[in-house]
Amino acid sequence: MSQIPDHLRYADSHEWIDPTNPDAAPVGISDHAQEELTDVVYLELPKVGATVSKGDAIAVIESVKAANDIYSPVSGEIVEINEAVGEDPAAVNNDPYGDGWIFKIKVSDPGELESLMDAEAYRGHVG
């Protein structure tokens, strides 16, 4: 069974965001998503300084099975990318909620965080 940390918020498209620091909130993909993808082999990271809207496709993740878009769970500005996962994409598989974070975003509308699923709702979403 997938890990689903209680302190995070989740998008329908399986991205997570840590809302505790809205000026630089880490975003990644859920444990469930990385399990579905299997071995991640490449990440196309977003650009630092890019302004994005909730739901925008802003990155690409490729595995041995497929390539998928990564969507921004909230609107804001990309303030940091995790260059380490660009160099070692397997970190997304090994530690999706820790070293496998993908980017950090400065949240422009904190109300959007409330529209995301909490851990309990996400558990129901993934079954």
N, C-alpha and C. Protein backbone atom coordinates (compact mmCIF):
# COMPACT_ATOMS: atom_id res chain seq x y z
N MET A 1 0.83 -1.18 0.00
CA MET A 1 0.00 0.00 0.00
C MET A 1 0.88 1.24 0.00
N SER A 2 0.46 2.25 -0.73
CA SER A 2 1.21 3.49 -0.86
C SER A 2 1.24 4.27 0.44
N GLN A 3 2.33 4.99 0.63
CA GLN A 3 2.42 5.94 1.73
C GLN A 3 1.66 7.20 1.34
N ILE A 4 0.91 7.76 2.29
CA ILE A 4 0.18 9.01 2.06
C ILE A 4 0.32 9.86 3.33
N PRO A 5 1.36 10.70 3.40
CA PRO A 5 1.57 11.52 4.59
C PRO A 5 0.38 12.45 4.87
N ASP A 6 0.02 12.55 6.14
CA ASP A 6 -1.15 13.32 6.54
C ASP A 6 -0.98 14.83 6.40
N HIS A 7 0.25 15.35 6.46
CA HIS A 7 0.44 16.80 6.47
C HIS A 7 0.43 17.43 5.08
N LEU A 8 0.38 16.63 4.03
CA LEU A 8 0.42 17.14 2.66
C LEU A 8 -0.98 17.30 2.08
N ARG A 9 -1.08 18.05 0.98
CA ARG A 9 -2.31 18.18 0.20
C ARG A 9 -2.04 17.54 -1.16
N TYR A 10 -3.10 17.02 -1.80
CA TYR A 10 -2.95 16.22 -3.01
C TYR A 10 -3.88 16.69 -4.12
N ALA A 11 -3.37 16.65 -5.35
CA ALA A 11 -4.17 16.96 -6.53
C ALA A 11 -4.72 15.66 -7.13
N ASP A 12 -5.81 15.78 -7.88
CA ASP A 12 -6.38 14.61 -8.57
C ASP A 12 -5.35 13.92 -9.46
N SER A 13 -4.42 14.72 -9.99
CA SER A 13 -3.41 14.21 -10.92
C SER A 13 -2.18 13.65 -10.19
N HIS A 14 -2.27 13.48 -8.86
CA HIS A 14 -1.29 12.77 -8.03
C HIS A 14 -0.05 13.57 -7.65
N GLU A 15 -0.09 14.88 -7.82
CA GLU A 15 0.97 15.71 -7.26
C GLU A 15 0.63 16.00 -5.80
N TRP A 16 1.67 16.16 -4.98
CA TRP A 16 1.50 16.57 -3.59
C TRP A 16 2.17 17.93 -3.40
N ILE A 17 1.71 18.65 -2.40
CA ILE A 17 2.33 19.91 -2.01
C ILE A 17 2.35 19.97 -0.49
N ASP A 18 3.46 20.48 0.04
CA ASP A 18 3.57 20.69 1.48
C ASP A 18 3.18 22.14 1.77
N PRO A 19 2.02 22.36 2.37
CA PRO A 19 1.52 23.72 2.54
C PRO A 19 2.13 24.48 3.71
N THR A 20 3.07 23.90 4.43
CA THR A 20 3.58 24.54 5.64
C THR A 20 4.44 25.76 5.36
N ASN A 21 5.00 25.91 4.17
CA ASN A 21 5.79 27.09 3.81
C ASN A 21 5.31 27.59 2.45
N PRO A 22 4.24 28.41 2.42
CA PRO A 22 3.68 28.84 1.14
C PRO A 22 4.61 29.73 0.31
N ASP A 23 5.72 30.21 0.90
CA ASP A 23 6.68 31.00 0.12
C ASP A 23 7.65 30.12 -0.66
N ALA A 24 7.75 28.85 -0.29
CA ALA A 24 8.61 27.90 -1.00
C ALA A 24 8.09 26.49 -0.71
N ALA A 25 6.88 26.20 -1.17
CA ALA A 25 6.22 24.92 -0.89
C ALA A 25 6.75 23.84 -1.83
N PRO A 26 7.34 22.77 -1.27
CA PRO A 26 7.80 21.67 -2.11
C PRO A 26 6.62 20.95 -2.77
N VAL A 27 6.86 20.50 -4.00
CA VAL A 27 5.87 19.75 -4.77
C VAL A 27 6.57 18.52 -5.35
N GLY A 28 5.84 17.40 -5.36
CA GLY A 28 6.36 16.19 -5.98
C GLY A 28 5.20 15.34 -6.43
N ILE A 29 5.50 14.09 -6.79
CA ILE A 29 4.42 13.16 -7.13
C ILE A 29 4.28 12.16 -5.99
N SER A 30 3.08 11.66 -5.85
CA SER A 30 2.79 10.76 -4.73
C SER A 30 3.47 9.41 -4.88
N ASP A 31 3.55 8.70 -3.78
CA ASP A 31 4.07 7.34 -3.78
C ASP A 31 3.24 6.47 -4.73
N HIS A 32 1.93 6.65 -4.71
CA HIS A 32 1.05 5.91 -5.62
C HIS A 32 1.44 6.17 -7.08
N ALA A 33 1.68 7.43 -7.43
CA ALA A 33 2.03 7.78 -8.81
C ALA A 33 3.36 7.16 -9.22
N GLN A 34 4.36 7.22 -8.33
CA GLN A 34 5.66 6.65 -8.71
C GLN A 34 5.57 5.14 -8.84
N GLU A 35 4.70 4.49 -8.03
CA GLU A 35 4.51 3.04 -8.16
C GLU A 35 3.88 2.70 -9.51
N GLU A 36 2.92 3.52 -9.94
CA GLU A 36 2.26 3.30 -11.23
C GLU A 36 3.23 3.51 -12.39
N LEU A 37 4.11 4.51 -12.27
CA LEU A 37 5.08 4.79 -13.33
C LEU A 37 6.15 3.72 -13.42
N THR A 38 6.50 3.11 -12.34
CA THR A 38 7.65 2.22 -12.16
C THR A 38 8.93 3.05 -12.24
N ASP A 39 9.96 2.54 -12.86
CA ASP A 39 11.29 3.16 -12.80
C ASP A 39 11.35 4.48 -13.56
N VAL A 40 11.51 5.58 -12.81
CA VAL A 40 11.64 6.91 -13.42
C VAL A 40 13.05 7.04 -13.98
N VAL A 41 13.14 7.44 -15.25
CA VAL A 41 14.44 7.53 -15.92
C VAL A 41 14.80 8.94 -16.35
N TYR A 42 13.82 9.88 -16.36
CA TYR A 42 14.11 11.23 -16.83
C TYR A 42 13.08 12.20 -16.29
N LEU A 43 13.53 13.40 -15.95
CA LEU A 43 12.64 14.48 -15.54
C LEU A 43 12.99 15.73 -16.32
N GLU A 44 12.00 16.34 -16.91
CA GLU A 44 12.16 17.67 -17.50
C GLU A 44 11.59 18.64 -16.49
N LEU A 45 12.46 19.39 -15.84
CA LEU A 45 12.06 20.25 -14.73
C LEU A 45 11.53 21.60 -15.23
N PRO A 46 10.68 22.25 -14.44
CA PRO A 46 10.21 23.58 -14.83
C PRO A 46 11.33 24.61 -14.69
N LYS A 47 11.08 25.81 -15.19
CA LYS A 47 12.06 26.89 -15.12
C LYS A 47 11.84 27.72 -13.86
N VAL A 48 12.91 27.99 -13.13
CA VAL A 48 12.83 28.88 -11.98
C VAL A 48 12.40 30.26 -12.48
N GLY A 49 11.48 30.87 -11.76
CA GLY A 49 10.97 32.18 -12.14
C GLY A 49 9.71 32.12 -12.97
N ALA A 50 9.34 30.94 -13.45
CA ALA A 50 8.12 30.80 -14.25
C ALA A 50 6.90 31.04 -13.37
N THR A 51 5.94 31.77 -13.91
CA THR A 51 4.66 31.97 -13.23
C THR A 51 3.68 30.96 -13.82
N VAL A 52 3.03 30.20 -12.97
CA VAL A 52 2.15 29.12 -13.42
C VAL A 52 0.78 29.25 -12.78
N SER A 53 -0.19 28.66 -13.42
CA SER A 53 -1.54 28.60 -12.89
C SER A 53 -1.84 27.18 -12.44
N LYS A 54 -2.75 27.07 -11.48
CA LYS A 54 -3.17 25.76 -11.01
C LYS A 54 -3.62 24.92 -12.20
N GLY A 55 -3.09 23.70 -12.28
CA GLY A 55 -3.47 22.78 -13.35
C GLY A 55 -2.59 22.85 -14.59
N ASP A 56 -1.67 23.83 -14.65
CA ASP A 56 -0.77 23.91 -15.81
C ASP A 56 0.18 22.72 -15.82
N ALA A 57 0.41 22.16 -17.01
CA ALA A 57 1.45 21.15 -17.19
C ALA A 57 2.78 21.90 -17.20
N ILE A 58 3.65 21.62 -16.22
CA ILE A 58 4.87 22.42 -16.11
C ILE A 58 6.15 21.59 -16.11
N ALA A 59 6.03 20.29 -16.09
CA ALA A 59 7.20 19.42 -16.11
C ALA A 59 6.79 18.09 -16.76
N VAL A 60 7.79 17.30 -17.10
CA VAL A 60 7.54 15.98 -17.70
C VAL A 60 8.36 14.95 -16.93
N ILE A 61 7.71 13.83 -16.65
CA ILE A 61 8.39 12.71 -15.99
C ILE A 61 8.29 11.51 -16.92
N GLU A 62 9.43 10.87 -17.14
CA GLU A 62 9.46 9.69 -18.01
C GLU A 62 9.93 8.49 -17.21
N SER A 63 9.24 7.38 -17.45
CA SER A 63 9.63 6.12 -16.83
C SER A 63 9.87 5.10 -17.94
N VAL A 64 10.21 3.90 -17.54
CA VAL A 64 10.39 2.85 -18.54
C VAL A 64 9.06 2.50 -19.21
N LYS A 65 7.93 2.89 -18.58
CA LYS A 65 6.60 2.59 -19.12
C LYS A 65 6.01 3.71 -19.96
N ALA A 66 6.20 4.97 -19.55
CA ALA A 66 5.47 6.06 -20.20
C ALA A 66 6.09 7.41 -19.84
N ALA A 67 5.65 8.43 -20.56
CA ALA A 67 5.97 9.82 -20.23
C ALA A 67 4.67 10.49 -19.80
N ASN A 68 4.73 11.25 -18.73
CA ASN A 68 3.55 11.93 -18.21
C ASN A 68 3.89 13.37 -17.86
N ASP A 69 2.88 14.23 -17.96
CA ASP A 69 3.04 15.60 -17.50
C ASP A 69 2.93 15.65 -15.99
N ILE A 70 3.59 16.63 -15.41
CA ILE A 70 3.43 16.97 -14.00
C ILE A 70 2.74 18.33 -13.99
N TYR A 71 1.67 18.43 -13.22
CA TYR A 71 0.85 19.63 -13.19
C TYR A 71 1.09 20.41 -11.90
N SER A 72 0.97 21.72 -11.99
CA SER A 72 1.09 22.53 -10.80
C SER A 72 -0.19 22.40 -9.97
N PRO A 73 -0.07 22.02 -8.70
CA PRO A 73 -1.29 21.88 -7.88
C PRO A 73 -1.90 23.21 -7.47
N VAL A 74 -1.12 24.29 -7.58
CA VAL A 74 -1.58 25.64 -7.23
C VAL A 74 -0.95 26.65 -8.18
N SER A 75 -1.48 27.86 -8.15
CA SER A 75 -0.90 28.97 -8.92
C SER A 75 0.24 29.59 -8.12
N GLY A 76 1.23 30.10 -8.85
CA GLY A 76 2.34 30.76 -8.18
C GLY A 76 3.56 30.88 -9.05
N GLU A 77 4.69 31.12 -8.40
CA GLU A 77 5.97 31.26 -9.09
C GLU A 77 6.90 30.14 -8.67
N ILE A 78 7.55 29.51 -9.64
CA ILE A 78 8.54 28.47 -9.35
C ILE A 78 9.77 29.16 -8.76
N VAL A 79 10.11 28.83 -7.52
CA VAL A 79 11.22 29.50 -6.86
C VAL A 79 12.47 28.61 -6.74
N GLU A 80 12.31 27.31 -6.96
CA GLU A 80 13.45 26.40 -6.86
C GLU A 80 13.10 25.11 -7.57
N ILE A 81 14.11 24.49 -8.18
CA ILE A 81 13.94 23.14 -8.72
C ILE A 81 14.93 22.23 -8.02
N ASN A 82 14.60 20.95 -8.00
CA ASN A 82 15.47 19.95 -7.36
C ASN A 82 16.38 19.39 -8.44
N GLU A 83 17.54 20.04 -8.60
CA GLU A 83 18.47 19.61 -9.63
C GLU A 83 18.96 18.19 -9.40
N ALA A 84 18.97 17.74 -8.16
CA ALA A 84 19.43 16.39 -7.85
C ALA A 84 18.55 15.33 -8.52
N VAL A 85 17.21 15.57 -8.61
CA VAL A 85 16.37 14.57 -9.27
C VAL A 85 16.53 14.64 -10.78
N GLY A 86 16.97 15.78 -11.30
CA GLY A 86 17.29 15.84 -12.72
C GLY A 86 18.48 14.96 -13.05
N GLU A 87 19.43 14.91 -12.12
CA GLU A 87 20.63 14.08 -12.30
C GLU A 87 20.39 12.63 -11.92
N ASP A 88 19.52 12.40 -10.93
CA ASP A 88 19.23 11.04 -10.45
C ASP A 88 17.72 10.88 -10.28
N PRO A 89 16.99 10.67 -11.41
CA PRO A 89 15.53 10.59 -11.35
C PRO A 89 15.00 9.48 -10.47
N ALA A 90 15.81 8.47 -10.19
CA ALA A 90 15.36 7.36 -9.34
C ALA A 90 15.01 7.83 -7.93
N ALA A 91 15.46 9.02 -7.52
CA ALA A 91 15.11 9.56 -6.21
C ALA A 91 13.60 9.71 -6.07
N VAL A 92 12.91 9.94 -7.18
CA VAL A 92 11.45 10.05 -7.15
C VAL A 92 10.84 8.72 -6.73
N ASN A 93 11.42 7.61 -7.18
CA ASN A 93 10.96 6.29 -6.78
C ASN A 93 11.36 5.96 -5.35
N ASN A 94 12.58 6.29 -5.00
CA ASN A 94 13.14 5.88 -3.71
C ASN A 94 12.60 6.68 -2.53
N ASP A 95 12.29 7.96 -2.74
CA ASP A 95 11.89 8.84 -1.64
C ASP A 95 10.97 9.95 -2.17
N PRO A 96 9.75 9.59 -2.61
CA PRO A 96 8.90 10.57 -3.29
C PRO A 96 8.50 11.77 -2.43
N TYR A 97 8.50 11.62 -1.11
CA TYR A 97 8.10 12.73 -0.23
C TYR A 97 9.29 13.42 0.44
N GLY A 98 10.48 12.95 0.15
CA GLY A 98 11.70 13.53 0.73
C GLY A 98 12.60 14.05 -0.36
N ASP A 99 13.68 13.31 -0.61
CA ASP A 99 14.66 13.74 -1.61
C ASP A 99 14.09 13.80 -3.02
N GLY A 100 12.94 13.17 -3.25
CA GLY A 100 12.35 13.13 -4.58
C GLY A 100 11.42 14.28 -4.92
N TRP A 101 11.41 15.35 -4.10
CA TRP A 101 10.59 16.52 -4.47
C TRP A 101 11.09 17.06 -5.80
N ILE A 102 10.21 17.74 -6.54
CA ILE A 102 10.56 18.15 -7.90
C ILE A 102 10.80 19.66 -8.02
N PHE A 103 9.92 20.46 -7.42
CA PHE A 103 10.12 21.92 -7.45
C PHE A 103 9.47 22.53 -6.23
N LYS A 104 9.83 23.79 -5.99
CA LYS A 104 9.19 24.57 -4.92
C LYS A 104 8.49 25.76 -5.55
N ILE A 105 7.32 26.07 -5.01
CA ILE A 105 6.49 27.13 -5.58
C ILE A 105 6.11 28.14 -4.50
N LYS A 106 6.15 29.42 -4.88
CA LYS A 106 5.61 30.47 -4.01
C LYS A 106 4.14 30.58 -4.36
N VAL A 107 3.29 30.18 -3.42
CA VAL A 107 1.85 30.10 -3.66
C VAL A 107 1.27 31.51 -3.75
N SER A 108 0.58 31.81 -4.87
CA SER A 108 0.01 33.14 -5.04
C SER A 108 -1.41 33.25 -4.48
N ASP A 109 -2.11 32.11 -4.36
CA ASP A 109 -3.47 32.12 -3.83
C ASP A 109 -3.59 30.99 -2.81
N PRO A 110 -3.34 31.28 -1.53
CA PRO A 110 -3.39 30.23 -0.51
C PRO A 110 -4.73 29.50 -0.45
N GLY A 111 -5.80 30.12 -0.90
CA GLY A 111 -7.10 29.46 -0.93
C GLY A 111 -7.12 28.23 -1.82
N GLU A 112 -6.23 28.21 -2.82
CA GLU A 112 -6.17 27.03 -3.70
C GLU A 112 -5.70 25.79 -2.94
N LEU A 113 -4.92 25.97 -1.90
CA LEU A 113 -4.48 24.82 -1.10
C LEU A 113 -5.68 24.10 -0.50
N GLU A 114 -6.70 24.86 -0.11
CA GLU A 114 -7.90 24.28 0.50
C GLU A 114 -8.71 23.46 -0.50
N SER A 115 -8.54 23.73 -1.79
CA SER A 115 -9.29 22.98 -2.80
C SER A 115 -8.66 21.63 -3.11
N LEU A 116 -7.46 21.40 -2.59
CA LEU A 116 -6.77 20.12 -2.80
C LEU A 116 -7.24 19.11 -1.76
N MET A 117 -7.02 17.84 -2.05
CA MET A 117 -7.44 16.78 -1.14
C MET A 117 -6.50 16.69 0.06
N ASP A 118 -7.08 16.41 1.22
CA ASP A 118 -6.26 16.04 2.36
C ASP A 118 -5.91 14.56 2.22
N ALA A 119 -5.11 14.04 3.14
CA ALA A 119 -4.65 12.65 3.04
C ALA A 119 -5.80 11.66 3.02
N GLU A 120 -6.80 11.89 3.85
CA GLU A 120 -7.93 10.96 3.91
C GLU A 120 -8.67 10.92 2.57
N ALA A 121 -8.92 12.08 1.99
CA ALA A 121 -9.62 12.13 0.70
C ALA A 121 -8.75 11.49 -0.40
N TYR A 122 -7.44 11.72 -0.35
CA TYR A 122 -6.56 11.14 -1.36
C TYR A 122 -6.52 9.62 -1.23
N ARG A 123 -6.54 9.10 0.00
CA ARG A 123 -6.59 7.63 0.17
C ARG A 123 -7.82 7.07 -0.54
N GLY A 124 -8.96 7.77 -0.40
CA GLY A 124 -10.17 7.34 -1.09
C GLY A 124 -10.04 7.45 -2.59
N HIS A 125 -9.35 8.48 -3.06
CA HIS A 125 -9.16 8.71 -4.48
C HIS A 125 -8.36 7.58 -5.15
N VAL A 126 -7.32 7.11 -4.46
CA VAL A 126 -6.48 6.07 -5.05
C VAL A 126 -6.97 4.67 -4.73
N GLY A 127 -7.98 4.59 -3.86
CA GLY A 127 -8.59 3.29 -3.55
C GLY A 127 -7.75 2.46 -2.67
